[in-house]
Amino acid sequence: MSKQEIWTILELINSSENYLKPKGVSNARREIEEMLCSILKCSRLELYLKFEMPLTENELVIFRELIKRKAKREPLQYILGETDFFNVKIKVNPSVLIPRHETEILVEKVIKKAKQIQKTQLKILDVGTGSGCIAIALAKELKNAQVLGIDVSEKAIFTANENAKLNEVQNVRFILKNALETPQKTGIFDFIVSNPPYVTTDDCEKLMPEVRDFEPILALDGGEKGLDFYEGLTPVCKLLLLENGFLFYEVGFKQAKDVEKILEKNGFSEIQIFPDYNKIERIVCGKKVSSLFN
């Protein structure tokens, strides 16, 4: 951006869009508007009504810093420090994965199943909780549930606890724990839910810069076939689930059938697969049923 003493909102939007587009930033105009809304604490509709309003000197300094970060392809959510997920506000930073809209389907399916079984009190485990978005959304919607989120990242657990406070959710807690360790107690949870790392190791290098260069690799890399976590976690989940408990996974592109086989191999039944908004098979769930052979 060239130096100018006074910049109106519209001038800033147009100039910044011309600056960011050659750098490969997609949806540049929308992201610029979101940054301005954050600075001015207004909605996008209110922003459109203020197009001729100039920014103050301090607002302009802040805006320029945000644009510089965006030019390096940093995700907008990290720049703003927060995002929306399933009607809750979630703080995010480079120590946690940015919540995706597809993951809201995972939450929806768990809530629907939980309401169907009509149990007085539920215990739910969220494995690899990250920002805590899934656990907090479930806890907020299911008042009869006690939700536990676990993660191997201390920074993620700190962020999740901050988000629980932000959303004033009392029926959720977070602890530092490796989910792949053999549990000391078994038969605890009615539901186990997880959005695990499922990107193949090779594909991690091919991700967009916003993801590859900023989001935590620990939350992305699922091994050679992207299935390492499912294979390691599923038998542990079987031990942790109560009889007739449910396991819900989010899965990557074309992974649903492979994950279905992993669940079948571990004795889960009534397996269902649900698509996301783009008709991609995204959610796999199975039920733990007692059997003479498992």
Protein backbone atom coordinates (compact mmCIF):
# COMPACT_ATOMS: atom_id res chain seq x y z
CA MET A 1 0.00 0.00 0.00
CA SER A 2 1.26 3.46 -0.87
CA LYS A 3 1.46 6.11 1.84
CA GLN A 4 -1.59 8.30 2.23
CA GLU A 5 -2.61 10.42 5.17
CA ILE A 6 -6.26 9.43 5.09
CA TRP A 7 -7.61 6.05 3.98
CA THR A 8 -11.31 5.31 3.77
CA ILE A 9 -12.54 1.77 4.34
CA LEU A 10 -13.33 1.25 0.66
CA GLU A 11 -9.91 2.52 -0.42
CA LEU A 12 -8.26 0.12 2.04
CA ILE A 13 -10.30 -2.83 0.80
CA ASN A 14 -9.48 -2.17 -2.86
CA SER A 15 -5.80 -1.43 -2.26
CA SER A 16 -5.30 -4.43 0.03
CA GLU A 17 -7.08 -6.78 -2.37
CA ASN A 18 -4.72 -5.72 -5.18
CA TYR A 19 -1.80 -6.32 -2.79
CA LEU A 20 -2.88 -9.78 -1.61
CA LYS A 21 -4.23 -11.39 -4.78
CA PRO A 22 -0.82 -11.74 -6.53
CA LYS A 23 0.46 -13.47 -3.39
CA GLY A 24 -2.03 -16.30 -3.89
CA VAL A 25 -4.49 -15.32 -1.19
CA SER A 26 -7.90 -16.73 -2.06
CA ASN A 27 -11.05 -14.91 -0.92
CA ALA A 28 -8.84 -11.88 -0.31
CA ARG A 29 -11.66 -9.34 -0.26
CA ARG A 30 -13.74 -11.29 2.24
CA GLU A 31 -10.77 -11.80 4.54
CA ILE A 32 -9.87 -8.09 4.35
CA GLU A 33 -13.43 -7.24 5.31
CA GLU A 34 -13.29 -9.71 8.23
CA MET A 35 -10.10 -8.05 9.48
CA LEU A 36 -11.67 -4.62 9.28
CA CYS A 37 -14.77 -5.86 11.11
CA SER A 38 -12.54 -7.18 13.86
CA ILE A 39 -10.69 -3.88 14.20
CA LEU A 40 -13.83 -1.75 14.06
CA LYS A 41 -15.92 -4.24 16.08
CA CYS A 42 -18.77 -4.23 13.61
CA SER A 43 -20.65 -6.62 11.33
CA ARG A 44 -19.98 -6.84 7.60
CA LEU A 45 -23.31 -5.12 6.92
CA GLU A 46 -22.28 -2.25 9.19
CA LEU A 47 -18.92 -2.16 7.41
CA TYR A 48 -20.64 -1.68 4.03
CA LEU A 49 -22.49 1.31 5.45
CA LYS A 50 -19.18 2.89 6.50
CA PHE A 51 -17.26 2.61 3.22
CA GLU A 52 -16.47 6.32 3.12
CA MET A 53 -15.34 6.47 6.75
CA PRO A 54 -11.58 6.89 7.27
CA LEU A 55 -9.63 4.78 9.75
CA THR A 56 -7.88 6.43 12.65
CA GLU A 57 -4.10 6.41 12.74
CA ASN A 58 -4.08 3.64 15.35
CA GLU A 59 -6.61 1.53 13.44
CA LEU A 60 -4.55 1.92 10.29
CA VAL A 61 -1.38 0.71 12.07
CA ILE A 62 -3.22 -2.39 13.32
CA PHE A 63 -4.73 -3.07 9.91
CA ARG A 64 -1.37 -2.87 8.14
CA GLU A 65 0.10 -5.42 10.55
CA LEU A 66 -2.76 -7.82 9.89
CA ILE A 67 -2.36 -7.44 6.13
CA LYS A 68 1.37 -8.18 6.40
CA ARG A 69 0.56 -11.41 8.24
CA LYS A 70 -2.04 -12.36 5.63
CA ALA A 71 0.47 -11.72 2.85
CA LYS A 72 2.59 -14.50 4.38
CA ARG A 73 -0.48 -16.77 3.97
CA GLU A 74 -1.19 -17.01 7.68
CA PRO A 75 -4.75 -18.29 8.26
CA LEU A 76 -7.29 -15.58 9.00
CA GLN A 77 -8.42 -17.45 12.13
CA TYR A 78 -4.94 -17.23 13.65
CA ILE A 79 -4.66 -13.57 12.68
CA LEU A 80 -7.96 -12.75 14.40
CA GLY A 81 -7.29 -15.22 17.22
CA GLU A 82 -10.73 -16.79 17.13
CA THR A 83 -13.36 -18.46 14.99
CA ASP A 84 -16.97 -19.62 15.19
CA PHE A 85 -17.84 -23.29 15.53
CA PHE A 86 -21.28 -24.77 16.11
CA ASN A 87 -22.64 -21.67 17.82
CA VAL A 88 -19.63 -21.25 20.12
CA LYS A 89 -16.72 -18.82 19.92
CA ILE A 90 -13.36 -20.62 19.86
CA LYS A 91 -9.94 -19.10 20.48
CA VAL A 92 -7.31 -20.52 18.13
CA ASN A 93 -3.54 -20.25 17.79
CA PRO A 94 -0.80 -22.22 15.98
CA SER A 95 -0.80 -24.87 18.74
CA VAL A 96 -4.28 -26.09 17.72
CA LEU A 97 -5.99 -27.08 14.50
CA ILE A 98 -8.47 -24.56 13.13
CA PRO A 99 -12.02 -25.98 13.43
CA ARG A 100 -13.60 -26.86 10.08
CA HIS A 101 -17.25 -26.65 9.08
CA GLU A 102 -17.17 -30.37 8.23
CA THR A 103 -16.46 -31.17 11.87
CA GLU A 104 -19.77 -29.57 12.84
CA ILE A 105 -21.42 -32.58 11.16
CA LEU A 106 -19.56 -34.83 13.60
CA VAL A 107 -21.02 -32.84 16.49
CA GLU A 108 -24.50 -32.93 14.95
CA LYS A 109 -24.46 -36.72 14.58
CA VAL A 110 -23.29 -37.28 18.16
CA ILE A 111 -25.98 -34.94 19.53
CA LYS A 112 -28.68 -36.66 17.48
CA LYS A 113 -27.64 -40.12 18.67
CA ALA A 114 -27.31 -38.95 22.29
CA LYS A 115 -30.86 -37.59 22.26
CA GLN A 116 -32.17 -40.78 20.70
CA ILE A 117 -30.90 -43.05 23.47
CA GLN A 118 -32.53 -40.84 26.14
CA LYS A 119 -30.09 -41.65 28.93
CA THR A 120 -30.29 -39.60 32.13
CA GLN A 121 -26.54 -38.96 32.30
CA LEU A 122 -23.94 -39.36 29.58
CA LYS A 123 -20.18 -39.58 29.65
CA ILE A 124 -18.38 -38.46 26.49
CA LEU A 125 -14.69 -38.58 25.58
CA ASP A 126 -13.20 -36.30 22.92
CA VAL A 127 -9.83 -37.67 21.79
CA GLY A 128 -7.30 -35.22 20.37
CA THR A 129 -9.41 -32.33 21.59
CA GLY A 130 -7.12 -29.55 20.31
CA SER A 131 -8.95 -26.25 20.83
CA GLY A 132 -11.72 -28.11 22.64
CA CYS A 133 -14.29 -27.08 20.02
CA ILE A 134 -15.98 -30.50 19.76
CA ALA A 135 -16.06 -31.13 23.51
CA ILE A 136 -17.37 -27.63 24.29
CA ALA A 137 -20.04 -27.75 21.58
CA LEU A 138 -21.25 -31.13 22.86
CA ALA A 139 -21.18 -30.03 26.50
CA LYS A 140 -23.13 -26.88 25.71
CA GLU A 141 -25.81 -28.74 23.76
CA LEU A 142 -26.07 -31.85 25.97
CA LYS A 143 -26.74 -30.60 29.47
CA ASN A 144 -26.96 -34.18 30.78
CA ALA A 145 -23.42 -35.00 29.63
CA GLN A 146 -20.06 -34.90 31.35
CA VAL A 147 -17.48 -34.35 28.62
CA LEU A 148 -13.76 -35.07 28.90
CA GLY A 149 -11.30 -33.82 26.29
CA ILE A 150 -7.77 -35.25 26.10
CA ASP A 151 -4.71 -34.29 24.07
CA VAL A 152 -0.96 -34.93 24.08
CA SER A 153 -0.24 -31.22 23.62
CA GLU A 154 0.05 -29.14 26.79
CA LYS A 155 -0.53 -25.95 24.76
CA ALA A 156 -3.68 -27.42 23.27
CA ILE A 157 -5.05 -28.29 26.72
CA PHE A 158 -4.34 -24.73 27.88
CA THR A 159 -6.23 -23.36 24.87
CA ALA A 160 -9.14 -25.76 25.41
CA ASN A 161 -9.46 -24.66 29.04
CA GLU A 162 -9.44 -21.02 27.94
CA ASN A 163 -12.26 -21.81 25.51
CA ALA A 164 -14.30 -23.55 28.19
CA LYS A 165 -14.04 -20.41 30.33
CA LEU A 166 -14.86 -18.17 27.37
CA ASN A 167 -18.05 -20.12 26.69
CA GLU A 168 -18.92 -20.56 30.38
CA VAL A 169 -19.33 -24.32 30.02
CA GLN A 170 -19.23 -26.17 33.34
CA ASN A 171 -19.78 -29.81 32.27
CA VAL A 172 -16.50 -30.19 30.39
CA ARG A 173 -12.90 -30.66 31.50
CA PHE A 174 -9.58 -31.23 29.74
CA ILE A 175 -6.53 -33.26 30.72
CA LEU A 176 -3.13 -33.99 29.21
CA LYS A 177 -3.14 -37.64 28.16
CA ASN A 178 -2.01 -39.97 25.38
CA ALA A 179 -5.10 -41.76 24.12
CA LEU A 180 -3.11 -44.65 22.68
CA GLU A 181 -1.97 -45.85 26.11
CA THR A 182 -3.76 -48.92 27.47
CA PRO A 183 -6.42 -47.60 29.88
CA GLN A 184 -6.33 -48.50 33.57
CA LYS A 185 -10.11 -48.29 33.79
CA THR A 186 -12.50 -49.75 31.21
CA GLY A 187 -16.16 -49.41 30.38
CA ILE A 188 -16.42 -45.72 31.19
CA PHE A 189 -17.91 -43.74 28.28
CA ASP A 190 -21.20 -43.77 26.40
CA PHE A 191 -19.64 -41.92 23.46
CA ILE A 192 -16.11 -41.49 22.17
CA VAL A 193 -15.58 -38.93 19.44
CA SER A 194 -12.44 -37.98 17.55
CA ASN A 195 -11.27 -35.87 14.64
CA PRO A 196 -7.80 -37.43 14.42
CA PRO A 197 -4.83 -36.70 12.14
CA TYR A 198 -5.78 -38.28 8.81
CA VAL A 199 -3.67 -36.59 6.12
CA THR A 200 -1.10 -38.96 4.61
CA THR A 201 2.51 -38.07 5.29
CA ASP A 202 3.16 -37.42 1.59
CA ASP A 203 0.10 -35.20 1.24
CA CYS A 204 1.14 -33.06 4.20
CA GLU A 205 3.77 -31.47 1.96
CA LYS A 206 1.15 -30.70 -0.70
CA LEU A 207 -1.25 -28.83 1.56
CA MET A 208 -2.00 -25.14 1.06
CA PRO A 209 0.59 -22.86 2.73
CA GLU A 210 -2.07 -21.68 5.20
CA VAL A 211 -2.30 -25.26 6.50
CA ARG A 212 1.17 -26.68 5.82
CA ASP A 213 3.16 -23.77 7.22
CA PHE A 214 1.00 -22.75 10.18
CA GLU A 215 -1.21 -25.52 11.57
CA PRO A 216 0.33 -28.14 13.92
CA ILE A 217 1.69 -31.13 12.01
CA LEU A 218 0.85 -33.33 15.00
CA ALA A 219 -2.84 -32.73 14.29
CA LEU A 220 -2.50 -33.40 10.55
CA ASP A 221 -0.10 -36.27 9.81
CA GLY A 222 -1.89 -39.61 9.95
CA GLY A 223 0.99 -41.71 8.66
CA GLU A 224 1.67 -43.37 5.32
CA LYS A 225 -2.00 -44.09 4.54
CA GLY A 226 -3.53 -41.58 6.92
CA LEU A 227 -4.95 -44.41 9.01
CA ASP A 228 -2.40 -44.80 11.82
CA PHE A 229 -4.54 -43.12 14.44
CA TYR A 230 -7.68 -45.11 13.62
CA GLU A 231 -5.79 -48.38 13.81
CA GLY A 232 -4.16 -47.51 17.12
CA LEU A 233 -7.10 -45.86 18.80
CA THR A 234 -10.01 -48.14 17.88
CA PRO A 235 -9.06 -51.08 20.14
CA VAL A 236 -8.48 -48.64 23.01
CA CYS A 237 -11.89 -47.09 22.40
CA LYS A 238 -13.49 -50.51 22.58
CA LEU A 239 -12.06 -50.95 26.07
CA LEU A 240 -13.14 -47.48 27.19
CA LEU A 241 -16.70 -47.69 25.89
CA LEU A 242 -19.62 -49.04 27.87
CA GLU A 243 -21.69 -51.81 26.30
CA ASN A 244 -23.88 -50.27 23.57
CA GLY A 245 -21.58 -47.24 23.52
CA PHE A 246 -20.79 -45.41 20.30
CA LEU A 247 -17.54 -44.45 18.57
CA PHE A 248 -17.64 -41.51 16.14
CA TYR A 249 -14.75 -40.60 13.81
CA GLU A 250 -14.21 -37.85 11.29
CA VAL A 251 -12.29 -39.26 8.30
CA GLY A 252 -10.43 -37.97 5.26
CA PHE A 253 -11.26 -38.19 1.57
CA LYS A 254 -11.89 -41.81 0.48
CA GLN A 255 -11.01 -43.16 3.93
CA ALA A 256 -14.50 -44.07 5.14
CA LYS A 257 -14.49 -47.65 3.85
CA ASP A 258 -11.03 -48.33 5.30
CA VAL A 259 -12.07 -46.95 8.68
CA GLU A 260 -15.27 -49.00 8.50
CA LYS A 261 -13.12 -52.13 8.09
CA ILE A 262 -11.01 -51.13 11.10
CA LEU A 263 -14.15 -50.82 13.22
CA GLU A 264 -15.47 -54.17 11.97
CA LYS A 265 -12.13 -55.82 12.73
CA ASN A 266 -12.40 -54.55 16.28
CA GLY A 267 -15.91 -55.91 16.80
CA PHE A 268 -18.00 -52.80 16.27
CA SER A 269 -21.42 -53.23 14.68
CA GLU A 270 -24.23 -51.11 13.23
CA ILE A 271 -21.61 -49.06 11.40
CA GLN A 272 -22.87 -45.96 9.63
CA ILE A 273 -21.20 -43.53 7.24
CA PHE A 274 -22.39 -39.95 6.80
CA PRO A 275 -21.44 -37.42 4.07
CA ASP A 276 -20.33 -33.83 4.54
CA TYR A 277 -21.74 -30.76 2.77
CA ASN A 278 -19.85 -31.71 -0.40
CA LYS A 279 -21.23 -35.29 -0.41
CA ILE A 280 -17.84 -36.66 0.69
CA GLU A 281 -18.06 -39.57 3.15
CA ARG A 282 -16.85 -37.78 6.28
CA ILE A 283 -18.21 -39.41 9.46
CA VAL A 284 -17.97 -43.07 10.48
CA CYS A 285 -19.63 -44.39 13.60
CA GLY A 286 -19.98 -47.82 15.17
CA LYS A 287 -21.61 -49.39 18.21
CA LYS A 288 -19.96 -51.61 20.81
CA VAL A 289 -22.19 -54.61 21.35
CA SER A 290 -21.33 -57.49 23.66
CA SER A 291 -20.65 -60.75 21.88
CA LEU A 292 -19.35 -64.17 22.71
CA PHE A 293 -16.51 -63.53 20.28
CA ASN A 294 -15.35 -60.00 21.13
